[in-house]
Protein backbone atom coordinates (compact mmCIF):
# COMPACT_ATOMS: atom_id res chain seq x y z
CA VAL A 1 0.85 -26.70 -32.33
CA PRO A 2 2.52 -26.75 -28.88
CA VAL A 3 2.03 -23.86 -26.54
CA VAL A 4 5.14 -22.01 -25.69
CA GLN A 5 5.34 -21.43 -21.93
CA GLN A 6 5.30 -17.75 -21.32
CA GLN A 7 7.34 -16.45 -18.42
CA LEU A 8 5.50 -14.25 -15.99
CA ASP A 9 7.15 -11.24 -14.53
CA PRO A 10 5.32 -10.29 -11.33
CA ALA A 11 7.52 -7.31 -10.82
CA LEU A 12 6.06 -5.59 -13.81
CA TRP A 13 2.18 -6.43 -13.40
CA VAL A 14 1.40 -3.19 -11.79
CA GLU A 15 3.29 -1.14 -14.33
CA ALA A 16 2.20 -3.15 -17.27
CA HIS A 17 -1.44 -3.99 -16.41
CA GLY A 18 -2.34 -1.89 -13.56
CA ASP A 19 -4.40 0.74 -15.56
CA VAL A 20 -6.40 -2.04 -17.25
CA LEU A 21 -7.09 -3.78 -14.07
CA TRP A 22 -8.04 -0.42 -12.35
CA ARG A 23 -10.54 0.63 -15.24
CA TYR A 24 -11.96 -3.03 -15.10
CA ALA A 25 -12.41 -3.06 -11.39
CA VAL A 26 -13.60 0.48 -10.73
CA VAL A 27 -16.38 0.34 -13.22
CA ARG A 28 -17.78 -2.81 -11.76
CA VAL A 29 -17.27 -2.30 -7.93
CA ARG A 30 -18.01 1.54 -8.13
CA SER A 31 -15.70 2.49 -5.43
CA ALA A 32 -11.95 3.37 -5.42
CA GLU A 33 -11.42 1.62 -2.11
CA ALA A 34 -13.19 -1.53 -3.30
CA ALA A 35 -11.24 -1.55 -6.66
CA GLU A 36 -8.02 -1.30 -4.76
CA GLU A 37 -9.05 -4.15 -2.48
CA VAL A 38 -10.02 -6.54 -5.35
CA ILE A 39 -6.88 -5.66 -7.44
CA GLN A 40 -4.73 -6.41 -4.38
CA ASP A 41 -6.56 -9.70 -3.85
CA THR A 42 -6.04 -10.33 -7.52
CA LEU A 43 -2.28 -9.84 -7.49
CA VAL A 44 -1.75 -12.02 -4.32
CA ALA A 45 -3.85 -14.77 -5.97
CA ALA A 46 -1.88 -14.39 -9.14
CA LEU A 47 1.38 -14.62 -7.27
CA GLN A 48 0.18 -17.76 -5.48
CA ALA A 49 -1.03 -19.39 -8.75
CA ALA A 50 1.94 -18.24 -10.85
CA ASP A 51 3.23 -21.83 -11.17
CA GLU A 52 -0.12 -22.79 -12.85
CA PHE A 53 -0.09 -20.23 -15.54
CA ARG A 54 0.17 -22.28 -18.81
CA GLY A 55 0.64 -19.47 -21.21
CA GLU A 56 -2.64 -20.33 -23.23
CA CYS A 57 -3.60 -16.51 -23.05
CA SER A 58 -1.67 -13.51 -22.34
CA GLU A 59 -0.54 -12.37 -18.82
CA ARG A 60 -3.18 -9.57 -18.98
CA THR A 61 -6.04 -11.72 -19.96
CA TRP A 62 -5.01 -14.14 -17.17
CA LEU A 63 -4.77 -11.30 -14.62
CA VAL A 64 -8.18 -9.95 -15.78
CA SER A 65 -9.77 -13.26 -15.49
CA ILE A 66 -8.49 -13.54 -11.90
CA LEU A 67 -9.81 -10.03 -11.19
CA ARG A 68 -13.19 -11.07 -12.62
CA HIS A 69 -13.40 -13.82 -10.15
CA LYS A 70 -12.38 -11.74 -7.19
CA ILE A 71 -15.10 -9.19 -8.09
CA ALA A 72 -17.67 -11.88 -8.28
CA ASP A 73 -16.58 -13.26 -4.95
CA ARG A 74 -16.76 -9.87 -3.37
CA ALA A 75 -20.40 -9.54 -4.87
CA ARG A 76 -21.38 -12.77 -3.45
CA ARG A 77 -20.04 -11.88 0.06
CA GLU A 78 -21.93 -8.60 -0.09
CA ASP A 79 -25.08 -10.42 -1.10
CA LEU A 80 -24.82 -12.82 1.78
CA GLN A 81 -24.24 -9.98 4.32
CA ARG A 82 -27.30 -8.15 3.08
CA GLU A 83 -29.44 -11.22 3.36
CA ARG A 84 -28.32 -12.19 6.76
CA PRO A 85 -30.84 -11.07 9.41
CA GLY A 86 -29.97 -8.91 12.31
CA PRO A 87 -29.60 -10.30 15.98
CA VAL A 88 -32.92 -11.51 17.32
CA ASP A 89 -34.24 -9.52 20.25
CA ALA A 90 -35.63 -12.44 22.52
CA GLY A 91 -37.70 -10.01 24.61
CA ALA A 92 -39.53 -8.64 21.58
CA MET A 93 -40.05 -12.06 20.19
CA ALA A 94 -41.51 -13.26 23.60
CA ALA A 95 -43.87 -10.30 23.65
CA ARG A 96 -45.14 -11.11 20.08
CA VAL A 97 -45.78 -14.79 21.05
CA ASP A 98 -47.65 -13.73 24.15
CA ASP A 99 -49.77 -11.32 22.09
């Protein structure tokens, strides 16, 4: 059975899917500000990839999938920032070596 190409309507994304995207994001990132950021990143990515949408799922499912990836990207960046050591104090390091 051939897949019918579904037409995306980016002008309606926020109105049609904004509540779902918001609830999905805010539960996972636990901050309104972070939720707004990942949703904005999601909508920009969706606009950039709109030509690649094949219609194999609903528009909402596609947007939530992009959002899920944006949340994962954010979590990875936060993990990397937490693991990154602070600046090295050369004087303190030299004092330890001398001891």
